[in-house]
Amino acid sequence: MDEAVLSLLNLLVSSLLLAYWLTVYNYQSPQNSELVRDICYLMASPNGTSISGDYHLNVCIVNGTLASRTPIDKMCLVRVNTTAVTGFLYAEDGDKCFEGKVRLRLTKVGGKVAVGFDRS
């Protein structure tokens, strides 16, 4: 009987640890594809359209290329390789990396999407 209770407790603790680590992994996984989705939405929108949102990212924008350490879904952009896509976009403050949770403002200006921090 004692072994059965101990085994049951062991199984319960293992399940709780697994659930915790799955939650941590899902919470901290980059939302790079959500950023690309919003960039594609703006590409199809008129100039002056903007979106503000919270993203958990791991990307850099350099010379119109969005690069990451993890694979990126290209959607409407042109694939450079599995971790980079290029298109009509730029970082407002020059080449920039965004890591962790950030609040961004995406604005379509002159046919390109400007990505910058939302300072409101």
Protein backbone atom coordinates (compact mmCIF):
# COMPACT_ATOMS: atom_id res chain seq x y z
CA MET A 1 0.00 0.00 0.00
CA ASP A 2 2.81 2.43 0.87
CA GLU A 3 4.50 1.76 -2.48
CA ALA A 4 1.26 2.46 -4.33
CA VAL A 5 0.80 5.81 -2.56
CA LEU A 6 4.43 6.72 -3.17
CA SER A 7 4.15 5.82 -6.86
CA LEU A 8 0.97 7.87 -7.17
CA LEU A 9 2.61 10.89 -5.52
CA ASN A 10 5.64 10.49 -7.78
CA LEU A 11 3.39 10.43 -10.84
CA LEU A 12 1.49 13.51 -9.62
CA VAL A 13 4.67 15.52 -8.99
CA SER A 14 6.09 14.50 -12.38
CA SER A 15 2.88 15.59 -14.11
CA LEU A 16 2.93 18.95 -12.34
CA LEU A 17 6.56 19.54 -13.31
CA LEU A 18 5.83 18.65 -16.93
CA ALA A 19 2.82 20.99 -17.00
CA TYR A 20 4.93 23.80 -15.51
CA TRP A 21 7.74 23.43 -18.06
CA LEU A 22 5.29 23.26 -20.96
CA THR A 23 3.70 26.48 -19.73
CA VAL A 24 7.08 28.20 -19.41
CA TYR A 25 8.13 27.03 -22.88
CA ASN A 26 4.91 28.22 -24.53
CA TYR A 27 4.98 31.55 -22.70
CA GLN A 28 8.55 32.37 -23.68
CA SER A 29 8.50 31.12 -27.25
CA PRO A 30 8.97 34.02 -29.69
CA GLN A 31 5.92 35.38 -31.47
CA ASN A 32 7.89 36.28 -34.57
CA SER A 33 5.16 34.96 -36.87
CA GLU A 34 2.62 37.32 -35.30
CA LEU A 35 4.88 40.25 -36.19
CA VAL A 36 5.18 39.00 -39.78
CA ARG A 37 1.38 38.57 -39.93
CA ASP A 38 0.86 42.17 -38.84
CA ILE A 39 3.50 43.42 -41.31
CA CYS A 40 1.68 41.59 -44.11
CA TYR A 41 -1.63 43.12 -43.01
CA LEU A 42 -0.09 46.58 -43.21
CA MET A 43 1.45 45.87 -46.63
CA ALA A 44 -2.10 45.42 -47.95
CA SER A 45 -3.34 48.56 -46.16
CA PRO A 46 -3.22 52.22 -47.26
CA ASN A 47 -0.35 54.50 -46.19
CA GLY A 48 -0.81 55.93 -42.70
CA THR A 49 -2.32 52.74 -41.26
CA SER A 50 -0.70 51.70 -37.99
CA ILE A 51 -0.94 48.87 -35.48
CA SER A 52 0.30 48.83 -31.89
CA GLY A 53 0.75 45.59 -30.03
CA ASP A 54 2.69 43.60 -27.48
CA TYR A 55 5.03 40.98 -28.92
CA HIS A 56 7.43 38.50 -27.37
CA LEU A 57 10.21 38.58 -29.98
CA ASN A 58 13.66 37.43 -30.84
CA VAL A 59 14.33 39.30 -34.10
CA CYS A 60 16.59 41.89 -35.70
CA ILE A 61 15.67 44.20 -38.57
CA VAL A 62 18.69 45.07 -40.71
CA ASN A 63 18.47 46.67 -44.17
CA GLY A 64 14.88 45.52 -44.69
CA THR A 65 15.57 41.95 -43.55
CA LEU A 66 13.87 40.42 -40.53
CA ALA A 67 16.21 37.83 -38.99
CA SER A 68 15.77 35.52 -36.01
CA ARG A 69 17.43 32.63 -34.20
CA THR A 70 14.33 30.51 -34.81
CA PRO A 71 12.56 29.72 -38.11
CA ILE A 72 10.20 32.43 -39.39
CA ASP A 73 7.08 31.86 -41.50
CA LYS A 74 7.44 34.07 -44.59
CA MET A 75 3.73 34.72 -45.28
CA CYS A 76 3.79 37.68 -47.74
CA LEU A 77 7.53 38.38 -47.43
CA VAL A 78 10.40 36.89 -49.42
CA ARG A 79 12.34 34.09 -47.74
CA VAL A 80 16.11 34.56 -47.48
CA ASN A 81 16.60 31.35 -45.49
CA THR A 82 14.75 29.51 -42.70
CA THR A 83 15.50 32.22 -40.14
CA ALA A 84 15.26 35.37 -42.27
CA VAL A 85 12.72 37.09 -44.52
CA THR A 86 12.96 40.34 -46.43
CA GLY A 87 10.43 42.86 -47.62
CA PHE A 88 9.44 46.48 -47.56
CA LEU A 89 10.14 47.15 -43.88
CA TYR A 90 12.60 49.05 -41.73
CA ALA A 91 13.28 49.85 -38.08
CA GLU A 92 12.47 53.48 -37.24
CA ASP A 93 15.66 54.06 -35.24
CA GLY A 94 18.00 52.37 -37.73
CA ASP A 95 18.97 48.70 -37.68
CA LYS A 96 17.59 47.26 -34.46
CA CYS A 97 17.10 44.03 -32.52
CA PHE A 98 14.01 43.31 -30.42
CA GLU A 99 14.26 40.66 -27.73
CA GLY A 100 11.78 39.72 -25.05
CA LYS A 101 8.41 41.35 -24.51
CA VAL A 102 8.16 44.67 -26.33
CA ARG A 103 5.33 47.02 -27.28
CA LEU A 104 5.73 47.96 -30.93
CA ARG A 105 4.02 50.36 -33.28
CA LEU A 106 3.94 49.31 -36.93
CA THR A 107 3.10 52.06 -39.44
CA LYS A 108 2.87 51.97 -43.23
CA VAL A 109 4.74 54.97 -44.62
CA GLY A 110 5.55 55.44 -48.31
CA GLY A 111 4.82 51.82 -49.19
CA LYS A 112 7.09 50.45 -46.44
CA VAL A 113 6.32 49.29 -42.91
CA ALA A 114 8.15 51.18 -40.15
CA VAL A 115 8.72 49.14 -36.99
CA GLY A 116 9.40 51.06 -33.78
CA PHE A 117 8.69 51.16 -30.09
CA ASP A 118 5.23 52.34 -29.09
CA ARG A 119 6.00 55.26 -26.80
CA SER A 120 2.38 56.08 -25.94
